[in-house]
N, C-alpha and C. Protein backbone atom coordinates (compact mmCIF):
# COMPACT_ATOMS: atom_id res chain seq x y z
N UNK A 1 -29.08 -74.56 117.20
CA UNK A 1 -29.42 -75.62 116.27
C UNK A 1 -29.23 -76.96 116.98
N UNK A 2 -30.26 -77.81 116.94
CA UNK A 2 -30.20 -79.10 117.59
C UNK A 2 -29.41 -80.11 116.78
N UNK A 3 -29.16 -81.25 117.39
CA UNK A 3 -28.38 -82.32 116.75
C UNK A 3 -29.05 -82.78 115.45
N UNK A 4 -30.38 -82.96 115.48
CA UNK A 4 -31.08 -83.41 114.27
C UNK A 4 -30.92 -82.39 113.15
N UNK A 5 -31.04 -81.11 113.47
CA UNK A 5 -30.89 -80.06 112.45
C UNK A 5 -29.48 -80.07 111.86
N UNK A 6 -28.49 -80.33 112.70
CA UNK A 6 -27.11 -80.42 112.22
C UNK A 6 -26.94 -81.59 111.25
N UNK A 7 -27.56 -82.72 111.60
CA UNK A 7 -27.48 -83.89 110.73
C UNK A 7 -28.19 -83.63 109.40
N UNK A 8 -29.34 -82.99 109.45
CA UNK A 8 -30.07 -82.69 108.22
C UNK A 8 -29.23 -81.79 107.31
N UNK A 9 -28.54 -80.81 107.90
CA UNK A 9 -27.65 -79.95 107.11
C UNK A 9 -26.51 -80.75 106.49
N UNK A 10 -25.97 -81.70 107.25
CA UNK A 10 -24.90 -82.56 106.74
C UNK A 10 -25.42 -83.41 105.57
N UNK A 11 -26.63 -83.95 105.71
CA UNK A 11 -27.21 -84.76 104.64
C UNK A 11 -27.48 -83.91 103.41
N UNK A 12 -27.98 -82.69 103.61
CA UNK A 12 -28.24 -81.79 102.49
C UNK A 12 -26.94 -81.46 101.75
N UNK A 13 -25.89 -81.28 102.50
CA UNK A 13 -24.58 -80.99 101.89
C UNK A 13 -24.11 -82.17 101.04
N UNK A 14 -24.31 -83.40 101.54
CA UNK A 14 -23.95 -84.58 100.76
C UNK A 14 -24.76 -84.66 99.47
N UNK A 15 -26.05 -84.37 99.56
CA UNK A 15 -26.88 -84.39 98.36
C UNK A 15 -26.38 -83.39 97.33
N UNK A 16 -25.97 -82.23 97.79
CA UNK A 16 -25.48 -81.19 96.88
C UNK A 16 -24.12 -81.55 96.30
N UNK A 17 -23.17 -81.86 97.16
CA UNK A 17 -21.79 -82.03 96.71
C UNK A 17 -21.47 -83.41 96.16
N UNK A 18 -22.01 -84.46 96.75
CA UNK A 18 -21.66 -85.82 96.33
C UNK A 18 -22.65 -86.40 95.33
N UNK A 19 -23.90 -85.94 95.40
CA UNK A 19 -24.94 -86.52 94.54
C UNK A 19 -25.37 -85.57 93.43
N UNK A 20 -24.94 -84.32 93.52
CA UNK A 20 -25.26 -83.35 92.47
C UNK A 20 -26.73 -82.99 92.37
N UNK A 21 -27.42 -82.96 93.50
CA UNK A 21 -28.83 -82.58 93.47
C UNK A 21 -29.15 -81.58 94.56
N UNK A 22 -30.09 -80.72 94.26
CA UNK A 22 -30.57 -79.72 95.22
C UNK A 22 -31.70 -80.36 96.02
N UNK A 23 -31.50 -80.55 97.33
CA UNK A 23 -32.52 -81.25 98.11
C UNK A 23 -33.76 -80.40 98.41
N UNK A 24 -34.88 -81.07 98.46
CA UNK A 24 -36.12 -80.49 98.98
C UNK A 24 -35.98 -80.64 100.50
N UNK A 25 -35.71 -79.54 101.17
CA UNK A 25 -35.39 -79.59 102.60
C UNK A 25 -36.54 -80.12 103.45
N UNK A 26 -37.77 -79.82 103.06
CA UNK A 26 -38.93 -80.33 103.80
C UNK A 26 -38.98 -81.85 103.72
N UNK A 27 -38.82 -82.39 102.51
CA UNK A 27 -38.82 -83.84 102.34
C UNK A 27 -37.63 -84.48 103.04
N UNK A 28 -36.45 -83.89 102.90
CA UNK A 28 -35.26 -84.43 103.56
C UNK A 28 -35.46 -84.48 105.07
N UNK A 29 -36.05 -83.45 105.62
CA UNK A 29 -36.32 -83.41 107.07
C UNK A 29 -37.26 -84.55 107.45
N UNK A 30 -38.32 -84.75 106.68
CA UNK A 30 -39.29 -85.80 107.00
C UNK A 30 -38.69 -87.19 106.84
N UNK A 31 -37.87 -87.39 105.82
CA UNK A 31 -37.21 -88.69 105.64
C UNK A 31 -36.25 -88.94 106.79
N UNK A 32 -35.51 -87.91 107.19
CA UNK A 32 -34.58 -88.03 108.31
C UNK A 32 -35.31 -88.39 109.60
N UNK A 33 -36.41 -87.71 109.87
CA UNK A 33 -37.20 -88.01 111.06
C UNK A 33 -37.71 -89.45 110.98
N UNK A 34 -38.09 -89.89 109.79
CA UNK A 34 -38.58 -91.25 109.60
C UNK A 34 -37.53 -92.31 109.87
N UNK A 35 -36.26 -91.94 109.82
CA UNK A 35 -35.19 -92.90 110.13
C UNK A 35 -35.12 -93.18 111.63
N UNK A 36 -35.76 -92.33 112.41
CA UNK A 36 -35.79 -92.53 113.85
C UNK A 36 -34.43 -92.37 114.50
N UNK A 37 -34.21 -93.10 115.60
CA UNK A 37 -32.97 -92.94 116.35
C UNK A 37 -31.73 -93.45 115.62
N UNK A 38 -31.91 -94.13 114.48
CA UNK A 38 -30.76 -94.65 113.74
C UNK A 38 -29.79 -93.54 113.34
N UNK A 39 -30.30 -92.33 113.13
CA UNK A 39 -29.43 -91.24 112.68
C UNK A 39 -28.44 -90.81 113.74
N UNK A 40 -28.70 -91.19 114.99
CA UNK A 40 -27.81 -90.80 116.09
C UNK A 40 -26.78 -91.89 116.43
N UNK A 41 -26.86 -93.03 115.76
CA UNK A 41 -25.95 -94.14 116.00
C UNK A 41 -24.98 -94.22 114.83
N UNK A 42 -23.69 -94.17 115.12
CA UNK A 42 -22.67 -94.12 114.06
C UNK A 42 -22.78 -95.30 113.09
N UNK A 43 -23.08 -96.49 113.59
CA UNK A 43 -23.20 -97.65 112.71
C UNK A 43 -24.49 -97.63 111.90
N UNK A 44 -25.58 -97.32 112.55
CA UNK A 44 -26.89 -97.35 111.89
C UNK A 44 -27.11 -96.16 110.97
N UNK A 45 -26.39 -95.08 111.20
CA UNK A 45 -26.56 -93.87 110.40
C UNK A 45 -26.12 -94.07 108.95
N UNK A 46 -25.18 -94.98 108.74
CA UNK A 46 -24.67 -95.23 107.39
C UNK A 46 -25.13 -96.58 106.88
N UNK A 47 -25.18 -96.69 105.57
CA UNK A 47 -25.52 -97.95 104.92
C UNK A 47 -24.22 -98.56 104.40
N UNK A 48 -23.97 -99.80 104.84
CA UNK A 48 -22.79 -100.53 104.36
C UNK A 48 -23.14 -101.14 103.01
N UNK A 49 -22.91 -100.38 101.97
CA UNK A 49 -23.38 -100.74 100.63
C UNK A 49 -22.69 -101.96 100.06
N UNK A 50 -21.60 -102.40 100.64
CA UNK A 50 -20.90 -103.57 100.13
C UNK A 50 -21.38 -104.86 100.81
N UNK A 51 -22.25 -104.72 101.80
CA UNK A 51 -22.74 -105.89 102.52
C UNK A 51 -24.14 -106.26 102.01
N UNK A 52 -24.30 -107.47 101.44
CA UNK A 52 -25.60 -107.89 100.91
C UNK A 52 -26.72 -107.83 101.95
N UNK A 53 -26.42 -108.13 103.20
CA UNK A 53 -27.44 -108.08 104.25
C UNK A 53 -27.97 -106.68 104.47
N UNK A 54 -27.10 -105.71 104.34
CA UNK A 54 -27.50 -104.31 104.52
C UNK A 54 -28.39 -103.85 103.36
N UNK A 55 -28.05 -104.27 102.16
CA UNK A 55 -28.86 -103.94 100.98
C UNK A 55 -30.24 -104.59 101.12
N UNK A 56 -30.26 -105.81 101.61
CA UNK A 56 -31.54 -106.51 101.81
C UNK A 56 -32.40 -105.79 102.85
N UNK A 57 -31.77 -105.22 103.88
CA UNK A 57 -32.50 -104.46 104.89
C UNK A 57 -33.14 -103.22 104.27
N UNK A 58 -32.39 -102.51 103.44
CA UNK A 58 -32.93 -101.32 102.76
C UNK A 58 -34.10 -101.74 101.88
N UNK A 59 -33.90 -102.82 101.17
CA UNK A 59 -34.92 -103.31 100.24
C UNK A 59 -36.20 -103.71 100.98
N UNK A 60 -36.05 -104.56 101.99
CA UNK A 60 -37.22 -105.11 102.69
C UNK A 60 -37.85 -104.10 103.64
N UNK A 61 -37.06 -103.53 104.53
CA UNK A 61 -37.61 -102.66 105.57
C UNK A 61 -38.03 -101.29 105.06
N UNK A 62 -37.30 -100.76 104.09
CA UNK A 62 -37.64 -99.42 103.62
C UNK A 62 -38.52 -99.45 102.37
N UNK A 63 -38.01 -100.06 101.31
CA UNK A 63 -38.74 -100.00 100.04
C UNK A 63 -40.05 -100.78 100.06
N UNK A 64 -40.03 -101.98 100.62
CA UNK A 64 -41.24 -102.80 100.60
C UNK A 64 -42.18 -102.42 101.75
N UNK A 65 -41.65 -102.38 102.97
CA UNK A 65 -42.52 -102.10 104.12
C UNK A 65 -42.91 -100.63 104.25
N UNK A 66 -41.93 -99.75 104.20
CA UNK A 66 -42.22 -98.32 104.42
C UNK A 66 -42.88 -97.67 103.20
N UNK A 67 -42.29 -97.90 102.03
CA UNK A 67 -42.82 -97.25 100.83
C UNK A 67 -43.94 -98.05 100.17
N UNK A 68 -44.11 -99.31 100.56
CA UNK A 68 -45.19 -100.12 100.03
C UNK A 68 -44.99 -100.56 98.59
N UNK A 69 -43.74 -100.69 98.18
CA UNK A 69 -43.46 -101.10 96.82
C UNK A 69 -43.53 -102.62 96.68
N UNK A 70 -43.97 -103.11 95.51
CA UNK A 70 -43.98 -104.56 95.30
C UNK A 70 -42.56 -105.09 95.12
N UNK A 71 -42.35 -106.29 95.58
CA UNK A 71 -41.04 -106.93 95.45
C UNK A 71 -40.75 -107.19 93.97
N UNK A 72 -39.66 -106.62 93.49
CA UNK A 72 -39.28 -106.81 92.08
C UNK A 72 -37.80 -106.47 91.92
N UNK A 73 -37.22 -106.89 90.78
CA UNK A 73 -35.82 -106.55 90.50
C UNK A 73 -35.58 -105.04 90.41
N UNK A 74 -36.64 -104.27 90.15
CA UNK A 74 -36.51 -102.81 90.07
C UNK A 74 -35.98 -102.22 91.38
N UNK A 75 -36.29 -102.86 92.49
CA UNK A 75 -35.84 -102.36 93.79
C UNK A 75 -34.32 -102.42 93.89
N UNK A 76 -33.75 -103.56 93.51
CA UNK A 76 -32.29 -103.70 93.56
C UNK A 76 -31.61 -102.73 92.60
N UNK A 77 -32.21 -102.56 91.43
CA UNK A 77 -31.65 -101.63 90.45
C UNK A 77 -31.66 -100.20 90.98
N UNK A 78 -32.74 -99.82 91.65
CA UNK A 78 -32.84 -98.47 92.21
C UNK A 78 -31.83 -98.26 93.34
N UNK A 79 -31.66 -99.26 94.18
CA UNK A 79 -30.67 -99.15 95.26
C UNK A 79 -29.28 -98.98 94.66
N UNK A 80 -28.95 -99.78 93.66
CA UNK A 80 -27.63 -99.69 93.05
C UNK A 80 -27.44 -98.34 92.35
N UNK A 81 -28.48 -97.83 91.72
CA UNK A 81 -28.39 -96.52 91.06
C UNK A 81 -28.15 -95.43 92.09
N UNK A 82 -28.82 -95.50 93.24
CA UNK A 82 -28.62 -94.51 94.30
C UNK A 82 -27.20 -94.59 94.85
N UNK A 83 -26.70 -95.80 95.02
CA UNK A 83 -25.32 -95.99 95.51
C UNK A 83 -24.33 -95.42 94.51
N UNK A 84 -24.56 -95.65 93.23
CA UNK A 84 -23.67 -95.11 92.20
C UNK A 84 -23.73 -93.59 92.17
N UNK A 85 -24.92 -93.03 92.31
CA UNK A 85 -25.06 -91.57 92.34
C UNK A 85 -24.30 -91.00 93.53
N UNK A 86 -24.39 -91.68 94.67
CA UNK A 86 -23.72 -91.22 95.90
C UNK A 86 -22.20 -91.33 95.75
N UNK A 87 -21.76 -92.31 94.96
CA UNK A 87 -20.34 -92.54 94.75
C UNK A 87 -19.94 -93.87 95.36
N UNK A 88 -19.65 -94.83 94.51
CA UNK A 88 -19.32 -96.17 94.98
C UNK A 88 -18.13 -96.14 95.93
N UNK A 89 -17.17 -95.28 95.67
CA UNK A 89 -15.97 -95.23 96.50
C UNK A 89 -16.18 -94.47 97.82
N UNK A 90 -17.31 -93.79 97.93
CA UNK A 90 -17.60 -93.04 99.16
C UNK A 90 -18.00 -94.02 100.26
N UNK A 91 -17.20 -94.15 101.33
CA UNK A 91 -17.51 -95.14 102.37
C UNK A 91 -18.65 -94.73 103.29
N UNK A 92 -18.97 -93.46 103.36
CA UNK A 92 -20.01 -92.98 104.27
C UNK A 92 -21.27 -92.61 103.48
N UNK A 93 -22.11 -93.60 103.29
CA UNK A 93 -23.38 -93.37 102.60
C UNK A 93 -24.45 -93.27 103.68
N UNK A 94 -24.84 -92.04 103.96
CA UNK A 94 -25.81 -91.83 105.03
C UNK A 94 -27.17 -92.40 104.64
N UNK A 95 -27.76 -93.12 105.58
CA UNK A 95 -29.06 -93.77 105.39
C UNK A 95 -30.12 -92.77 104.94
N UNK A 96 -30.19 -91.63 105.58
CA UNK A 96 -31.21 -90.63 105.24
C UNK A 96 -31.04 -90.13 103.81
N UNK A 97 -29.80 -90.00 103.36
CA UNK A 97 -29.54 -89.53 101.99
C UNK A 97 -29.98 -90.59 100.98
N UNK A 98 -29.61 -91.85 101.21
CA UNK A 98 -30.03 -92.91 100.30
C UNK A 98 -31.55 -93.05 100.29
N UNK A 99 -32.17 -93.00 101.46
CA UNK A 99 -33.62 -93.11 101.53
C UNK A 99 -34.28 -91.95 100.79
N UNK A 100 -33.74 -90.75 100.95
CA UNK A 100 -34.27 -89.58 100.24
C UNK A 100 -34.22 -89.82 98.73
N UNK A 101 -33.07 -90.28 98.24
CA UNK A 101 -32.94 -90.52 96.79
C UNK A 101 -33.91 -91.59 96.32
N UNK A 102 -34.13 -92.62 97.13
CA UNK A 102 -35.06 -93.69 96.75
C UNK A 102 -36.51 -93.21 96.77
N UNK A 103 -36.86 -92.37 97.73
CA UNK A 103 -38.20 -91.79 97.77
C UNK A 103 -38.44 -90.99 96.49
N UNK A 104 -37.48 -90.18 96.11
CA UNK A 104 -37.61 -89.37 94.90
C UNK A 104 -37.66 -90.25 93.65
N UNK A 105 -36.82 -91.27 93.61
CA UNK A 105 -36.76 -92.17 92.45
C UNK A 105 -38.12 -92.83 92.19
N UNK A 106 -38.75 -93.29 93.26
CA UNK A 106 -40.02 -94.00 93.11
C UNK A 106 -41.25 -93.08 93.18
N UNK A 107 -41.03 -91.77 93.35
CA UNK A 107 -42.15 -90.83 93.39
C UNK A 107 -43.06 -91.05 94.59
N UNK A 108 -42.48 -91.39 95.72
CA UNK A 108 -43.25 -91.70 96.92
C UNK A 108 -43.23 -90.56 97.95
N UNK A 109 -43.03 -89.34 97.49
CA UNK A 109 -42.98 -88.20 98.40
C UNK A 109 -44.26 -88.05 99.22
N UNK A 110 -45.40 -88.46 98.66
CA UNK A 110 -46.68 -88.33 99.36
C UNK A 110 -46.73 -89.10 100.68
N UNK A 111 -45.90 -90.13 100.81
CA UNK A 111 -45.86 -90.89 102.06
C UNK A 111 -45.40 -90.00 103.21
N UNK A 112 -44.58 -89.01 102.88
CA UNK A 112 -44.06 -88.10 103.91
C UNK A 112 -44.84 -86.79 103.94
N UNK A 113 -45.96 -86.74 103.23
CA UNK A 113 -46.77 -85.52 103.15
C UNK A 113 -47.52 -85.26 104.37
C-alpha cells in the first residue's frame, strides 16, 4: 500500500469515526488526489480552522475556484458546518476530509467524475 492509499484510509477513518458518515471511497480518493502534494506536507495537510486566513483560502481557492461556486455567505456557513461536524475541538482537520464534506454538501461530486 502506497503513502497516498494510507492517507486515504486515514481520511476515511476520520469520516467514519469523527464525522459519523460512511465515505464514498471513489470520491474521497479523487478529492484527495485533487489536493495534490499538500497531503504529504504536515502543515498543508490540515486546515487551521481557527485562523481566518486559512478559512479564506478554503473559501476562495477551493469553493469558488475549484468548485465554481458563487461568492456568498452560504460558503462561510458551509465551512463552519463542516468544521462543526468534524469537531470544533479536534485540532487535526484534514484538508481532504473537509473538502470531501464540502463537495458533498454542495452536490459537486460531478466535478470529480
